[in-house]
N, C-alpha and C. Protein backbone atom coordinates (compact mmCIF):
# COMPACT_ATOMS: atom_id res chain seq x y z
N MET A 1 12.00 30.94 -17.82
CA MET A 1 12.80 29.97 -18.14
C MET A 1 11.96 28.62 -18.42
N ALA A 2 12.30 27.79 -19.41
CA ALA A 2 11.66 26.71 -19.67
C ALA A 2 12.73 25.54 -19.64
N THR A 3 12.36 24.24 -19.20
CA THR A 3 13.21 23.20 -19.20
C THR A 3 13.46 22.84 -20.65
N ASN A 4 14.59 22.51 -21.10
CA ASN A 4 15.13 22.04 -22.33
C ASN A 4 14.94 20.61 -22.42
N PRO A 5 14.04 20.07 -23.26
CA PRO A 5 13.97 18.68 -23.41
C PRO A 5 15.03 17.94 -24.17
N ILE A 6 15.95 18.69 -24.74
CA ILE A 6 17.01 18.18 -25.51
C ILE A 6 18.20 17.68 -24.67
N GLY A 7 18.48 18.47 -23.55
CA GLY A 7 19.60 18.23 -22.80
C GLY A 7 19.26 18.19 -21.28
N LYS A 8 19.71 17.25 -20.58
CA LYS A 8 19.45 17.26 -19.20
C LYS A 8 20.32 18.32 -18.43
N GLY A 9 19.73 18.97 -17.46
CA GLY A 9 20.47 19.95 -16.78
C GLY A 9 20.63 21.32 -17.61
N THR A 10 19.76 21.45 -18.68
CA THR A 10 19.92 22.65 -19.44
C THR A 10 18.53 23.40 -19.38
N LYS A 11 18.50 24.57 -19.67
CA LYS A 11 17.38 25.44 -19.70
C LYS A 11 17.41 26.34 -20.93
N THR A 12 16.33 26.73 -21.48
CA THR A 12 16.27 27.63 -22.60
C THR A 12 15.63 28.94 -22.15
N ILE A 13 16.29 30.09 -22.45
CA ILE A 13 15.68 31.34 -22.07
C ILE A 13 15.45 32.18 -23.22
N GLY A 14 14.49 33.07 -23.21
CA GLY A 14 14.22 33.94 -24.30
C GLY A 14 14.41 35.48 -23.84
N ILE A 15 14.95 36.27 -24.80
CA ILE A 15 15.26 37.69 -24.41
C ILE A 15 14.60 38.59 -25.46
N ASN A 16 13.83 39.57 -25.01
CA ASN A 16 13.39 40.59 -25.86
C ASN A 16 14.37 41.70 -25.94
N MET A 17 14.67 42.21 -27.11
CA MET A 17 15.58 43.30 -27.03
C MET A 17 15.31 44.24 -28.23
N PRO A 18 15.92 45.39 -28.36
CA PRO A 18 15.70 46.25 -29.56
C PRO A 18 16.20 45.61 -30.70
N ALA A 19 15.52 45.87 -31.87
CA ALA A 19 15.97 45.23 -33.09
C ALA A 19 17.38 45.49 -33.52
N GLU A 20 17.85 46.75 -33.31
CA GLU A 20 19.28 46.97 -33.68
C GLU A 20 20.29 46.19 -32.90
N MET A 21 19.99 45.92 -31.65
CA MET A 21 20.86 45.07 -30.80
C MET A 21 20.87 43.61 -31.27
N ALA A 22 19.60 43.13 -31.66
CA ALA A 22 19.52 41.69 -32.16
C ALA A 22 20.31 41.65 -33.36
N ASP A 23 20.12 42.60 -34.38
CA ASP A 23 20.80 42.63 -35.68
C ASP A 23 22.35 42.57 -35.44
N GLU A 24 22.81 43.34 -34.54
CA GLU A 24 24.21 43.32 -34.25
C GLU A 24 24.65 41.90 -33.75
N LEU A 25 23.98 41.29 -32.87
CA LEU A 25 24.31 39.91 -32.41
C LEU A 25 24.22 38.99 -33.61
N ILE A 26 23.32 39.19 -34.44
CA ILE A 26 23.31 38.19 -35.68
C ILE A 26 24.48 38.43 -36.59
N ASP A 27 24.75 39.64 -36.81
CA ASP A 27 25.90 40.03 -37.63
C ASP A 27 27.26 39.43 -37.01
N ARG A 28 27.46 39.66 -35.82
CA ARG A 28 28.64 39.20 -35.08
C ARG A 28 28.69 37.70 -35.17
N ALA A 29 27.59 37.01 -34.82
CA ALA A 29 27.71 35.56 -34.87
C ALA A 29 27.92 34.98 -36.27
N GLU A 30 27.26 35.59 -37.18
CA GLU A 30 27.45 35.03 -38.60
C GLU A 30 28.93 35.31 -39.08
N SER A 31 29.57 36.39 -38.66
CA SER A 31 30.93 36.67 -39.05
C SER A 31 31.88 35.59 -38.40
N MET A 32 31.48 34.89 -37.38
CA MET A 32 32.26 33.82 -36.74
C MET A 32 31.63 32.40 -37.14
N HIS A 33 30.71 32.39 -38.02
CA HIS A 33 30.08 31.10 -38.30
C HIS A 33 29.54 30.38 -37.26
N LEU A 34 28.90 31.15 -36.29
CA LEU A 34 28.20 30.54 -35.13
C LEU A 34 26.75 30.88 -35.30
N SER A 35 26.01 30.13 -34.40
CA SER A 35 24.47 30.48 -34.29
C SER A 35 24.52 31.67 -33.34
N VAL A 36 23.40 32.26 -33.27
CA VAL A 36 23.14 33.41 -32.40
C VAL A 36 23.23 32.91 -30.98
N SER A 37 22.55 31.76 -30.87
CA SER A 37 22.49 31.15 -29.51
C SER A 37 23.91 30.83 -28.98
N LYS A 38 24.71 30.20 -29.78
CA LYS A 38 26.14 29.84 -29.35
C LYS A 38 26.89 31.12 -29.12
N TYR A 39 26.78 32.22 -29.92
CA TYR A 39 27.52 33.31 -29.70
C TYR A 39 27.14 33.98 -28.39
N CYS A 40 25.87 34.12 -28.20
CA CYS A 40 25.46 34.62 -26.87
C CYS A 40 25.86 33.81 -25.62
N LYS A 41 25.83 32.55 -25.79
CA LYS A 41 26.34 31.72 -24.73
C LYS A 41 27.83 31.98 -24.39
N ILE A 42 28.66 32.07 -25.48
CA ILE A 42 30.05 32.34 -25.22
C ILE A 42 30.38 33.66 -24.62
N ILE A 43 29.55 34.78 -25.06
CA ILE A 43 29.65 36.07 -24.51
C ILE A 43 29.29 36.09 -23.06
N LEU A 44 28.16 35.41 -22.81
CA LEU A 44 27.67 35.42 -21.33
C LEU A 44 28.58 34.52 -20.45
N GLU A 45 29.18 33.46 -21.02
CA GLU A 45 29.96 32.73 -20.09
C GLU A 45 31.29 33.43 -19.74
N GLN A 46 31.92 34.22 -20.87
CA GLN A 46 33.03 35.01 -20.59
C GLN A 46 32.67 36.05 -19.44
N TRP A 47 31.57 36.72 -19.58
CA TRP A 47 31.27 37.79 -18.64
C TRP A 47 31.07 37.16 -17.24
N VAL A 48 30.28 36.04 -17.00
CA VAL A 48 30.11 35.42 -15.79
C VAL A 48 31.45 34.98 -15.13
N ASN A 49 32.38 34.30 -16.09
CA ASN A 49 33.56 33.87 -15.58
C ASN A 49 34.56 34.94 -15.22
N SER A 50 34.38 36.22 -15.69
CA SER A 50 35.15 37.23 -15.38
C SER A 50 35.07 37.86 -13.95
N GLY A 51 33.88 37.47 -13.46
CA GLY A 51 33.59 37.94 -12.04
C GLY A 51 33.20 39.34 -11.95
N GLU A 52 33.21 40.05 -13.02
CA GLU A 52 32.79 41.47 -12.95
C GLU A 52 31.32 41.68 -12.65
N LYS A 53 31.10 42.67 -11.96
CA LYS A 53 29.64 43.00 -11.58
C LYS A 53 29.01 43.94 -12.62
N LEU A 54 27.81 43.71 -12.87
CA LEU A 54 27.10 44.64 -13.76
C LEU A 54 26.33 45.74 -12.92
N ASN A 55 26.68 46.86 -13.22
CA ASN A 55 26.07 48.09 -12.49
C ASN A 55 24.79 48.55 -13.28
N LEU A 56 23.57 48.28 -12.58
CA LEU A 56 22.34 48.67 -13.26
C LEU A 56 21.88 49.91 -12.56
N THR A 57 21.36 50.87 -13.40
CA THR A 57 20.81 52.17 -13.01
C THR A 57 19.49 52.29 -13.48
N GLU A 58 18.53 52.98 -12.91
CA GLU A 58 17.22 53.25 -13.40
C GLU A 58 17.41 54.38 -14.52
N ARG A 59 16.53 54.18 -15.49
CA ARG A 59 16.45 55.22 -16.52
C ARG A 59 15.34 56.22 -16.33
């Protein structure tokens, strides 16, 4: 994580993911006239606020 010089109290993160997943995020964001960053932030905020736990398993 890197400190974001644009806003106090913010950080920028980068995520590597499969191209198909990234393309899907781009398509969904564009369909709502949002940047991919804003779309991802909305989705992550909704998940965190839901209080649901993410179950991770080894592959």
